[in-house]
mmCIF file of all heavy atoms, coordinates in Angstrom:
data_MODEL
# 
_entry.id   MODEL 
# 
loop_
_atom_site.group_PDB 
_atom_site.id 
_atom_site.type_symbol 
_atom_site.label_atom_id 
_atom_site.label_alt_id 
_atom_site.label_comp_id 
_atom_site.label_asym_id 
_atom_site.label_entity_id 
_atom_site.label_seq_id 
_atom_site.pdbx_PDB_ins_code 
_atom_site.Cartn_x 
_atom_site.Cartn_y 
_atom_site.Cartn_z 
_atom_site.occupancy 
_atom_site.B_iso_or_equiv 
_atom_site.pdbx_formal_charge 
_atom_site.auth_seq_id 
_atom_site.auth_comp_id 
_atom_site.auth_asym_id 
_atom_site.auth_atom_id 
_atom_site.pdbx_PDB_model_num 
ATOM 1   N N   . LYS A 1 1  ? -6.444  -20.436 17.763 1.00 0.00 ? 1  LYS A N   1 
ATOM 2   C CA  . LYS A 1 1  ? -7.557  -20.304 16.818 1.00 0.00 ? 1  LYS A CA  1 
ATOM 3   C C   . LYS A 1 1  ? -8.207  -18.925 16.950 1.00 0.00 ? 1  LYS A C   1 
ATOM 4   O O   . LYS A 1 1  ? -8.491  -18.462 18.052 1.00 0.00 ? 1  LYS A O   1 
ATOM 5   C CB  . LYS A 1 1  ? -8.578  -21.406 17.085 1.00 0.00 ? 1  LYS A CB  1 
ATOM 6   C CG  . LYS A 1 1  ? -9.435  -21.784 15.916 1.00 0.00 ? 1  LYS A CG  1 
ATOM 7   C CD  . LYS A 1 1  ? -10.285 -22.998 16.246 1.00 0.00 ? 1  LYS A CD  1 
ATOM 8   C CE  . LYS A 1 1  ? -9.450  -24.239 16.446 1.00 0.00 ? 1  LYS A CE  1 
ATOM 9   N NZ  . LYS A 1 1  ? -10.265 -25.450 16.705 1.00 0.00 ? 1  LYS A NZ  1 
ATOM 10  N N   . GLY A 1 2  ? -8.384  -18.261 15.813 1.00 0.00 ? 2  GLY A N   1 
ATOM 11  C CA  . GLY A 1 2  ? -8.985  -16.933 15.810 1.00 0.00 ? 2  GLY A CA  1 
ATOM 12  C C   . GLY A 1 2  ? -7.996  -15.805 15.973 1.00 0.00 ? 2  GLY A C   1 
ATOM 13  O O   . GLY A 1 2  ? -8.338  -14.641 15.750 1.00 0.00 ? 2  GLY A O   1 
ATOM 14  N N   . ARG A 1 3  ? -6.774  -16.113 16.361 1.00 0.00 ? 3  ARG A N   1 
ATOM 15  C CA  . ARG A 1 3  ? -5.740  -15.074 16.537 1.00 0.00 ? 3  ARG A CA  1 
ATOM 16  C C   . ARG A 1 3  ? -4.601  -15.214 15.535 1.00 0.00 ? 3  ARG A C   1 
ATOM 17  O O   . ARG A 1 3  ? -4.013  -14.216 15.125 1.00 0.00 ? 3  ARG A O   1 
ATOM 18  C CB  . ARG A 1 3  ? -5.162  -15.143 17.957 1.00 0.00 ? 3  ARG A CB  1 
ATOM 19  C CG  . ARG A 1 3  ? -6.168  -14.910 19.052 1.00 0.00 ? 3  ARG A CG  1 
ATOM 20  C CD  . ARG A 1 3  ? -5.495  -14.805 20.420 1.00 0.00 ? 3  ARG A CD  1 
ATOM 21  N NE  . ARG A 1 3  ? -4.783  -16.038 20.774 1.00 0.00 ? 3  ARG A NE  1 
ATOM 22  C CZ  . ARG A 1 3  ? -3.488  -16.084 21.065 1.00 0.00 ? 3  ARG A CZ  1 
ATOM 23  N NH1 . ARG A 1 3  ? -2.756  -14.991 21.032 1.00 0.00 ? 3  ARG A NH1 1 
ATOM 24  N NH2 . ARG A 1 3  ? -2.912  -17.234 21.403 1.00 0.00 ? 3  ARG A NH2 1 
ATOM 25  N N   . PHE A 1 4  ? -4.276  -16.434 15.175 1.00 0.00 ? 4  PHE A N   1 
ATOM 26  C CA  . PHE A 1 4  ? -3.166  -16.707 14.252 1.00 0.00 ? 4  PHE A CA  1 
ATOM 27  C C   . PHE A 1 4  ? -3.708  -17.147 12.901 1.00 0.00 ? 4  PHE A C   1 
ATOM 28  O O   . PHE A 1 4  ? -4.739  -17.825 12.820 1.00 0.00 ? 4  PHE A O   1 
ATOM 29  C CB  . PHE A 1 4  ? -2.271  -17.814 14.798 1.00 0.00 ? 4  PHE A CB  1 
ATOM 30  C CG  . PHE A 1 4  ? -1.456  -17.445 16.009 1.00 0.00 ? 4  PHE A CG  1 
ATOM 31  C CD1 . PHE A 1 4  ? -1.688  -16.286 16.731 1.00 0.00 ? 4  PHE A CD1 1 
ATOM 32  C CD2 . PHE A 1 4  ? -0.443  -18.288 16.434 1.00 0.00 ? 4  PHE A CD2 1 
ATOM 33  C CE1 . PHE A 1 4  ? -0.930  -15.960 17.840 1.00 0.00 ? 4  PHE A CE1 1 
ATOM 34  C CE2 . PHE A 1 4  ? 0.326   -17.992 17.545 1.00 0.00 ? 4  PHE A CE2 1 
ATOM 35  C CZ  . PHE A 1 4  ? 0.077   -16.827 18.248 1.00 0.00 ? 4  PHE A CZ  1 
ATOM 36  N N   . THR A 1 5  ? -2.977  -16.782 11.842 1.00 0.00 ? 5  THR A N   1 
ATOM 37  C CA  . THR A 1 5  ? -3.359  -17.176 10.486 1.00 0.00 ? 5  THR A CA  1 
ATOM 38  C C   . THR A 1 5  ? -2.140  -17.688 9.741  1.00 0.00 ? 5  THR A C   1 
ATOM 39  O O   . THR A 1 5  ? -1.111  -17.012 9.696  1.00 0.00 ? 5  THR A O   1 
ATOM 40  C CB  . THR A 1 5  ? -3.962  -15.999 9.719  1.00 0.00 ? 5  THR A CB  1 
ATOM 41  O OG1 . THR A 1 5  ? -5.092  -15.494 10.417 1.00 0.00 ? 5  THR A OG1 1 
ATOM 42  C CG2 . THR A 1 5  ? -4.399  -16.446 8.325  1.00 0.00 ? 5  THR A CG2 1 
ATOM 43  N N   . ILE A 1 6  ? -2.275  -18.867 9.172  1.00 0.00 ? 6  ILE A N   1 
ATOM 44  C CA  . ILE A 1 6  ? -1.207  -19.442 8.361  1.00 0.00 ? 6  ILE A CA  1 
ATOM 45  C C   . ILE A 1 6  ? -1.520  -19.193 6.894  1.00 0.00 ? 6  ILE A C   1 
ATOM 46  O O   . ILE A 1 6  ? -2.671  -19.346 6.452  1.00 0.00 ? 6  ILE A O   1 
ATOM 47  C CB  . ILE A 1 6  ? -1.095  -20.956 8.609  1.00 0.00 ? 6  ILE A CB  1 
ATOM 48  C CG1 . ILE A 1 6  ? -0.627  -21.230 10.028 1.00 0.00 ? 6  ILE A CG1 1 
ATOM 49  C CG2 . ILE A 1 6  ? -0.146  -21.607 7.619  1.00 0.00 ? 6  ILE A CG2 1 
ATOM 50  C CD1 . ILE A 1 6  ? -0.545  -22.695 10.359 1.00 0.00 ? 6  ILE A CD1 1 
ATOM 51  N N   . SER A 1 7  ? -0.489  -18.844 6.144  1.00 0.00 ? 7  SER A N   1 
ATOM 52  C CA  . SER A 1 7  ? -0.641  -18.686 4.702  1.00 0.00 ? 7  SER A CA  1 
ATOM 53  C C   . SER A 1 7  ? 0.664   -19.121 4.031  1.00 0.00 ? 7  SER A C   1 
ATOM 54  O O   . SER A 1 7  ? 1.671   -19.318 4.705  1.00 0.00 ? 7  SER A O   1 
ATOM 55  C CB  . SER A 1 7  ? -0.990  -17.247 4.327  1.00 0.00 ? 7  SER A CB  1 
ATOM 56  O OG  . SER A 1 7  ? 0.040   -16.366 4.733  1.00 0.00 ? 7  SER A OG  1 
ATOM 57  N N   . ARG A 1 8  ? 0.600   -19.269 2.730  1.00 0.00 ? 8  ARG A N   1 
ATOM 58  C CA  . ARG A 1 8  ? 1.797   -19.689 2.003  1.00 0.00 ? 8  ARG A CA  1 
ATOM 59  C C   . ARG A 1 8  ? 1.820   -19.038 0.628  1.00 0.00 ? 8  ARG A C   1 
ATOM 60  O O   . ARG A 1 8  ? 0.782   -18.711 0.059  1.00 0.00 ? 8  ARG A O   1 
ATOM 61  C CB  . ARG A 1 8  ? 1.840   -21.197 1.861  1.00 0.00 ? 8  ARG A CB  1 
ATOM 62  C CG  . ARG A 1 8  ? 0.695   -21.798 1.071  1.00 0.00 ? 8  ARG A CG  1 
ATOM 63  C CD  . ARG A 1 8  ? 0.657   -23.308 1.205  1.00 0.00 ? 8  ARG A CD  1 
ATOM 64  N NE  . ARG A 1 8  ? 1.837   -23.940 0.605  1.00 0.00 ? 8  ARG A NE  1 
ATOM 65  C CZ  . ARG A 1 8  ? 2.214   -25.191 0.843  1.00 0.00 ? 8  ARG A CZ  1 
ATOM 66  N NH1 . ARG A 1 8  ? 1.522   -25.942 1.675  1.00 0.00 ? 8  ARG A NH1 1 
ATOM 67  N NH2 . ARG A 1 8  ? 3.278   -25.696 0.241  1.00 0.00 ? 8  ARG A NH2 1 
ATOM 68  N N   . ASP A 1 9  ? 3.026   -18.874 0.113  1.00 0.00 ? 9  ASP A N   1 
ATOM 69  C CA  . ASP A 1 9  ? 3.226   -18.376 -1.242 1.00 0.00 ? 9  ASP A CA  1 
ATOM 70  C C   . ASP A 1 9  ? 4.152   -19.371 -1.925 1.00 0.00 ? 9  ASP A C   1 
ATOM 71  O O   . ASP A 1 9  ? 5.376   -19.317 -1.743 1.00 0.00 ? 9  ASP A O   1 
ATOM 72  C CB  . ASP A 1 9  ? 3.836   -16.977 -1.215 1.00 0.00 ? 9  ASP A CB  1 
ATOM 73  C CG  . ASP A 1 9  ? 3.907   -16.351 -2.600 1.00 0.00 ? 9  ASP A CG  1 
ATOM 74  O OD1 . ASP A 1 9  ? 3.983   -17.095 -3.596 1.00 0.00 ? 9  ASP A OD1 1 
ATOM 75  O OD2 . ASP A 1 9  ? 3.903   -15.115 -2.681 1.00 0.00 ? 9  ASP A OD2 1 
ATOM 76  N N   . ASN A 1 10 ? 3.583   -20.276 -2.679 1.00 0.00 ? 10 ASN A N   1 
ATOM 77  C CA  . ASN A 1 10 ? 4.394   -21.324 -3.305 1.00 0.00 ? 10 ASN A CA  1 
ATOM 78  C C   . ASN A 1 10 ? 5.360   -20.759 -4.338 1.00 0.00 ? 10 ASN A C   1 
ATOM 79  O O   . ASN A 1 10 ? 6.449   -21.314 -4.536 1.00 0.00 ? 10 ASN A O   1 
ATOM 80  C CB  . ASN A 1 10 ? 3.487   -22.369 -3.948 1.00 0.00 ? 10 ASN A CB  1 
ATOM 81  C CG  . ASN A 1 10 ? 2.792   -23.246 -2.908 1.00 0.00 ? 10 ASN A CG  1 
ATOM 82  O OD1 . ASN A 1 10 ? 3.217   -23.314 -1.751 1.00 0.00 ? 10 ASN A OD1 1 
ATOM 83  N ND2 . ASN A 1 10 ? 1.718   -23.906 -3.318 1.00 0.00 ? 10 ASN A ND2 1 
ATOM 84  N N   . ALA A 1 11 ? 4.981   -19.666 -4.973 1.00 0.00 ? 11 ALA A N   1 
ATOM 85  C CA  . ALA A 1 11 ? 5.880   -19.058 -5.962 1.00 0.00 ? 11 ALA A CA  1 
ATOM 86  C C   . ALA A 1 11 ? 7.144   -18.523 -5.297 1.00 0.00 ? 11 ALA A C   1 
ATOM 87  O O   . ALA A 1 11 ? 8.216   -18.512 -5.906 1.00 0.00 ? 11 ALA A O   1 
ATOM 88  C CB  . ALA A 1 11 ? 5.159   -17.940 -6.703 1.00 0.00 ? 11 ALA A CB  1 
ATOM 89  N N   . LYS A 1 12 ? 7.007   -18.086 -4.041 1.00 0.00 ? 12 LYS A N   1 
ATOM 90  C CA  . LYS A 1 12 ? 8.160   -17.570 -3.296 1.00 0.00 ? 12 LYS A CA  1 
ATOM 91  C C   . LYS A 1 12 ? 8.755   -18.632 -2.378 1.00 0.00 ? 12 LYS A C   1 
ATOM 92  O O   . LYS A 1 12 ? 9.700   -18.336 -1.640 1.00 0.00 ? 12 LYS A O   1 
ATOM 93  C CB  . LYS A 1 12 ? 7.748   -16.352 -2.475 1.00 0.00 ? 12 LYS A CB  1 
ATOM 94  C CG  . LYS A 1 12 ? 7.330   -15.155 -3.313 1.00 0.00 ? 12 LYS A CG  1 
ATOM 95  C CD  . LYS A 1 12 ? 6.997   -13.965 -2.427 1.00 0.00 ? 12 LYS A CD  1 
ATOM 96  C CE  . LYS A 1 12 ? 6.625   -12.761 -3.271 1.00 0.00 ? 12 LYS A CE  1 
ATOM 97  N NZ  . LYS A 1 12 ? 6.275   -11.578 -2.430 1.00 0.00 ? 12 LYS A NZ  1 
ATOM 98  N N   . ASN A 1 13 ? 8.184   -19.826 -2.401 1.00 0.00 ? 13 ASN A N   1 
ATOM 99  C CA  . ASN A 1 13 ? 8.665   -20.905 -1.524 1.00 0.00 ? 13 ASN A CA  1 
ATOM 100 C C   . ASN A 1 13 ? 8.703   -20.474 -0.065 1.00 0.00 ? 13 ASN A C   1 
ATOM 101 O O   . ASN A 1 13 ? 9.684   -20.743 0.661  1.00 0.00 ? 13 ASN A O   1 
ATOM 102 C CB  . ASN A 1 13 ? 10.053  -21.378 -1.967 1.00 0.00 ? 13 ASN A CB  1 
ATOM 103 C CG  . ASN A 1 13 ? 10.002  -22.718 -2.684 1.00 0.00 ? 13 ASN A CG  1 
ATOM 104 O OD1 . ASN A 1 13 ? 8.982   -23.085 -3.250 1.00 0.00 ? 13 ASN A OD1 1 
ATOM 105 N ND2 . ASN A 1 13 ? 11.099  -23.444 -2.648 1.00 0.00 ? 13 ASN A ND2 1 
ATOM 106 N N   . THR A 1 14 ? 7.642   -19.813 0.370  1.00 0.00 ? 14 THR A N   1 
ATOM 107 C CA  . THR A 1 14 ? 7.622   -19.248 1.715  1.00 0.00 ? 14 THR A CA  1 
ATOM 108 C C   . THR A 1 14 ? 6.306   -19.535 2.415  1.00 0.00 ? 14 THR A C   1 
ATOM 109 O O   . THR A 1 14 ? 5.234   -19.465 1.803  1.00 0.00 ? 14 THR A O   1 
ATOM 110 C CB  . THR A 1 14 ? 7.865   -17.732 1.673  1.00 0.00 ? 14 THR A CB  1 
ATOM 111 O OG1 . THR A 1 14 ? 9.105   -17.474 1.004  1.00 0.00 ? 14 THR A OG1 1 
ATOM 112 C CG2 . THR A 1 14 ? 7.944   -17.156 3.079  1.00 0.00 ? 14 THR A CG2 1 
ATOM 113 N N   . LEU A 1 15 ? 6.430   -19.834 3.709  1.00 0.00 ? 15 LEU A N   1 
ATOM 114 C CA  . LEU A 1 15 ? 5.290   -20.038 4.600  1.00 0.00 ? 15 LEU A CA  1 
ATOM 115 C C   . LEU A 1 15 ? 5.250   -18.878 5.579  1.00 0.00 ? 15 LEU A C   1 
ATOM 116 O O   . LEU A 1 15 ? 6.307   -18.356 5.975  1.00 0.00 ? 15 LEU A O   1 
ATOM 117 C CB  . LEU A 1 15 ? 5.482   -21.355 5.365  1.00 0.00 ? 15 LEU A CB  1 
ATOM 118 C CG  . LEU A 1 15 ? 4.521   -21.652 6.507  1.00 0.00 ? 15 LEU A CG  1 
ATOM 119 C CD1 . LEU A 1 15 ? 3.128   -21.982 5.948  1.00 0.00 ? 15 LEU A CD1 1 
ATOM 120 C CD2 . LEU A 1 15 ? 5.045   -22.803 7.352  1.00 0.00 ? 15 LEU A CD2 1 
ATOM 121 N N   . TYR A 1 16 ? 4.045   -18.472 5.974  1.00 0.00 ? 16 TYR A N   1 
ATOM 122 C CA  . TYR A 1 16 ? 3.894   -17.362 6.903  1.00 0.00 ? 16 TYR A CA  1 
ATOM 123 C C   . TYR A 1 16 ? 3.028   -17.762 8.092  1.00 0.00 ? 16 TYR A C   1 
ATOM 124 O O   . TYR A 1 16 ? 2.180   -18.647 7.995  1.00 0.00 ? 16 TYR A O   1 
ATOM 125 C CB  . TYR A 1 16 ? 3.239   -16.165 6.204  1.00 0.00 ? 16 TYR A CB  1 
ATOM 126 C CG  . TYR A 1 16 ? 3.982   -15.687 4.991  1.00 0.00 ? 16 TYR A CG  1 
ATOM 127 C CD1 . TYR A 1 16 ? 3.568   -16.042 3.712  1.00 0.00 ? 16 TYR A CD1 1 
ATOM 128 C CD2 . TYR A 1 16 ? 5.111   -14.880 5.109  1.00 0.00 ? 16 TYR A CD2 1 
ATOM 129 C CE1 . TYR A 1 16 ? 4.249   -15.619 2.589  1.00 0.00 ? 16 TYR A CE1 1 
ATOM 130 C CE2 . TYR A 1 16 ? 5.800   -14.443 3.989  1.00 0.00 ? 16 TYR A CE2 1 
ATOM 131 C CZ  . TYR A 1 16 ? 5.369   -14.821 2.733  1.00 0.00 ? 16 TYR A CZ  1 
ATOM 132 O OH  . TYR A 1 16 ? 6.051   -14.391 1.625  1.00 0.00 ? 16 TYR A OH  1 
ATOM 133 N N   . LEU A 1 17 ? 3.254   -17.054 9.192  1.00 0.00 ? 17 LEU A N   1 
ATOM 134 C CA  . LEU A 1 17 ? 2.380   -17.169 10.357 1.00 0.00 ? 17 LEU A CA  1 
ATOM 135 C C   . LEU A 1 17 ? 2.120   -15.757 10.868 1.00 0.00 ? 17 LEU A C   1 
ATOM 136 O O   . LEU A 1 17 ? 3.023   -15.117 11.426 1.00 0.00 ? 17 LEU A O   1 
ATOM 137 C CB  . LEU A 1 17 ? 3.016   -18.018 11.459 1.00 0.00 ? 17 LEU A CB  1 
ATOM 138 C CG  . LEU A 1 17 ? 2.170   -18.174 12.719 1.00 0.00 ? 17 LEU A CG  1 
ATOM 139 C CD1 . LEU A 1 17 ? 0.896   -18.969 12.409 1.00 0.00 ? 17 LEU A CD1 1 
ATOM 140 C CD2 . LEU A 1 17 ? 2.955   -18.889 13.826 1.00 0.00 ? 17 LEU A CD2 1 
ATOM 141 N N   . GLN A 1 18 ? 0.916   -15.280 10.639 1.00 0.00 ? 18 GLN A N   1 
ATOM 142 C CA  . GLN A 1 18 ? 0.499   -13.967 11.155 1.00 0.00 ? 18 GLN A CA  1 
ATOM 143 C C   . GLN A 1 18 ? -0.078  -14.166 12.542 1.00 0.00 ? 18 GLN A C   1 
ATOM 144 O O   . GLN A 1 18 ? -1.048  -14.914 12.701 1.00 0.00 ? 18 GLN A O   1 
ATOM 145 C CB  . GLN A 1 18 ? -0.534  -13.335 10.226 1.00 0.00 ? 18 GLN A CB  1 
ATOM 146 C CG  . GLN A 1 18 ? -1.055  -11.997 10.706 1.00 0.00 ? 18 GLN A CG  1 
ATOM 147 C CD  . GLN A 1 18 ? 0.017   -10.914 10.704 1.00 0.00 ? 18 GLN A CD  1 
ATOM 148 O OE1 . GLN A 1 18 ? 0.785   -10.804 9.756  1.00 0.00 ? 18 GLN A OE1 1 
ATOM 149 N NE2 . GLN A 1 18 ? 0.070   -10.121 11.769 1.00 0.00 ? 18 GLN A NE2 1 
ATOM 150 N N   . MET A 1 19 ? 0.517   -13.498 13.516 1.00 0.00 ? 19 MET A N   1 
ATOM 151 C CA  . MET A 1 19 ? 0.097   -13.659 14.910 1.00 0.00 ? 19 MET A CA  1 
ATOM 152 C C   . MET A 1 19 ? -0.446  -12.325 15.420 1.00 0.00 ? 19 MET A C   1 
ATOM 153 O O   . MET A 1 19 ? 0.291   -11.336 15.463 1.00 0.00 ? 19 MET A O   1 
ATOM 154 C CB  . MET A 1 19 ? 1.277   -14.115 15.762 1.00 0.00 ? 19 MET A CB  1 
ATOM 155 C CG  . MET A 1 19 ? 1.924   -15.396 15.241 1.00 0.00 ? 19 MET A CG  1 
ATOM 156 S SD  . MET A 1 19 ? 3.240   -16.010 16.318 1.00 0.00 ? 19 MET A SD  1 
ATOM 157 C CE  . MET A 1 19 ? 4.448   -14.703 16.104 1.00 0.00 ? 19 MET A CE  1 
ATOM 158 N N   . ASN A 1 20 ? -1.711  -12.308 15.777 1.00 0.00 ? 20 ASN A N   1 
ATOM 159 C CA  . ASN A 1 20 ? -2.364  -11.106 16.301 1.00 0.00 ? 20 ASN A CA  1 
ATOM 160 C C   . ASN A 1 20 ? -2.815  -11.332 17.739 1.00 0.00 ? 20 ASN A C   1 
ATOM 161 O O   . ASN A 1 20 ? -2.898  -12.472 18.203 1.00 0.00 ? 20 ASN A O   1 
ATOM 162 C CB  . ASN A 1 20 ? -3.574  -10.750 15.438 1.00 0.00 ? 20 ASN A CB  1 
ATOM 163 C CG  . ASN A 1 20 ? -3.196  -10.433 14.004 1.00 0.00 ? 20 ASN A CG  1 
ATOM 164 O OD1 . ASN A 1 20 ? -2.109  -9.918  13.737 1.00 0.00 ? 20 ASN A OD1 1 
ATOM 165 N ND2 . ASN A 1 20 ? -4.090  -10.725 13.076 1.00 0.00 ? 20 ASN A ND2 1 
ATOM 166 N N   . SER A 1 21 ? -3.099  -10.242 18.418 1.00 0.00 ? 21 SER A N   1 
ATOM 167 C CA  . SER A 1 21 ? -3.570  -10.307 19.812 1.00 0.00 ? 21 SER A CA  1 
ATOM 168 C C   . SER A 1 21 ? -2.671  -11.201 20.646 1.00 0.00 ? 21 SER A C   1 
ATOM 169 O O   . SER A 1 21 ? -3.145  -12.082 21.380 1.00 0.00 ? 21 SER A O   1 
ATOM 170 C CB  . SER A 1 21 ? -5.011  -10.827 19.850 1.00 0.00 ? 21 SER A CB  1 
ATOM 171 O OG  . SER A 1 21 ? -5.864  -10.012 19.080 1.00 0.00 ? 21 SER A OG  1 
ATOM 172 N N   . LEU A 1 22 ? -1.394  -10.965 20.554 1.00 0.00 ? 22 LEU A N   1 
ATOM 173 C CA  . LEU A 1 22 ? -0.433  -11.826 21.234 1.00 0.00 ? 22 LEU A CA  1 
ATOM 174 C C   . LEU A 1 22 ? -0.539  -11.715 22.743 1.00 0.00 ? 22 LEU A C   1 
ATOM 175 O O   . LEU A 1 22 ? -0.817  -10.635 23.298 1.00 0.00 ? 22 LEU A O   1 
ATOM 176 C CB  . LEU A 1 22 ? 0.979   -11.500 20.771 1.00 0.00 ? 22 LEU A CB  1 
ATOM 177 C CG  . LEU A 1 22 ? 1.329   -12.070 19.388 1.00 0.00 ? 22 LEU A CG  1 
ATOM 178 C CD1 . LEU A 1 22 ? 2.524   -11.357 18.786 1.00 0.00 ? 22 LEU A CD1 1 
ATOM 179 C CD2 . LEU A 1 22 ? 1.590   -13.564 19.496 1.00 0.00 ? 22 LEU A CD2 1 
ATOM 180 N N   . LYS A 1 23 ? -0.299  -12.845 23.402 1.00 0.00 ? 23 LYS A N   1 
ATOM 181 C CA  . LYS A 1 23 ? -0.372  -12.937 24.856 1.00 0.00 ? 23 LYS A CA  1 
ATOM 182 C C   . LYS A 1 23 ? 0.990   -13.407 25.379 1.00 0.00 ? 23 LYS A C   1 
ATOM 183 O O   . LYS A 1 23 ? 1.747   -14.069 24.642 1.00 0.00 ? 23 LYS A O   1 
ATOM 184 C CB  . LYS A 1 23 ? -1.435  -13.968 25.250 1.00 0.00 ? 23 LYS A CB  1 
ATOM 185 C CG  . LYS A 1 23 ? -2.804  -13.730 24.660 1.00 0.00 ? 23 LYS A CG  1 
ATOM 186 C CD  . LYS A 1 23 ? -3.737  -14.880 24.992 1.00 0.00 ? 23 LYS A CD  1 
ATOM 187 C CE  . LYS A 1 23 ? -5.101  -14.682 24.353 1.00 0.00 ? 23 LYS A CE  1 
ATOM 188 N NZ  . LYS A 1 23 ? -6.016  -15.814 24.671 1.00 0.00 ? 23 LYS A NZ  1 
ATOM 189 N N   . PRO A 1 24 ? 1.295   -13.120 26.637 1.00 0.00 ? 24 PRO A N   1 
ATOM 190 C CA  . PRO A 1 24 ? 2.558   -13.612 27.201 1.00 0.00 ? 24 PRO A CA  1 
ATOM 191 C C   . PRO A 1 24 ? 2.717   -15.124 27.061 1.00 0.00 ? 24 PRO A C   1 
ATOM 192 O O   . PRO A 1 24 ? 3.839   -15.619 26.874 1.00 0.00 ? 24 PRO A O   1 
ATOM 193 C CB  . PRO A 1 24 ? 2.469   -13.185 28.660 1.00 0.00 ? 24 PRO A CB  1 
ATOM 194 C CG  . PRO A 1 24 ? 1.613   -11.968 28.632 1.00 0.00 ? 24 PRO A CG  1 
ATOM 195 C CD  . PRO A 1 24 ? 0.592   -12.226 27.568 1.00 0.00 ? 24 PRO A CD  1 
ATOM 196 N N   . GLU A 1 25 ? 1.623   -15.862 27.115 1.00 0.00 ? 25 GLU A N   1 
ATOM 197 C CA  . GLU A 1 25 ? 1.715   -17.320 26.995 1.00 0.00 ? 25 GLU A CA  1 
ATOM 198 C C   . GLU A 1 25 ? 2.035   -17.792 25.579 1.00 0.00 ? 25 GLU A C   1 
ATOM 199 O O   . GLU A 1 25 ? 2.233   -18.987 25.347 1.00 0.00 ? 25 GLU A O   1 
ATOM 200 C CB  . GLU A 1 25 ? 0.424   -17.995 27.490 1.00 0.00 ? 25 GLU A CB  1 
ATOM 201 C CG  . GLU A 1 25 ? -0.846  -17.435 26.915 1.00 0.00 ? 25 GLU A CG  1 
ATOM 202 C CD  . GLU A 1 25 ? -1.499  -16.404 27.827 1.00 0.00 ? 25 GLU A CD  1 
ATOM 203 O OE1 . GLU A 1 25 ? -0.771  -15.529 28.371 1.00 0.00 ? 25 GLU A OE1 1 
ATOM 204 O OE2 . GLU A 1 25 ? -2.744  -16.456 27.977 1.00 0.00 ? 25 GLU A OE2 1 
ATOM 205 N N   . ASP A 1 26 ? 2.075   -16.874 24.625 1.00 0.00 ? 26 ASP A N   1 
ATOM 206 C CA  . ASP A 1 26 ? 2.521   -17.216 23.275 1.00 0.00 ? 26 ASP A CA  1 
ATOM 207 C C   . ASP A 1 26 ? 4.047   -17.213 23.168 1.00 0.00 ? 26 ASP A C   1 
ATOM 208 O O   . ASP A 1 26 ? 4.593   -17.581 22.123 1.00 0.00 ? 26 ASP A O   1 
ATOM 209 C CB  . ASP A 1 26 ? 1.947   -16.232 22.248 1.00 0.00 ? 26 ASP A CB  1 
ATOM 210 C CG  . ASP A 1 26 ? 0.437   -16.333 22.126 1.00 0.00 ? 26 ASP A CG  1 
ATOM 211 O OD1 . ASP A 1 26 ? -0.089  -17.460 22.122 1.00 0.00 ? 26 ASP A OD1 1 
ATOM 212 O OD2 . ASP A 1 26 ? -0.202  -15.266 22.029 1.00 0.00 ? 26 ASP A OD2 1 
# 
């Protein structure tokens, strides 16, 4: 929470996961 963002583009039939401030435990 606060680091990752989920989004989707239904026209492109695609889901995304933007991951920021990544840590080794990710």
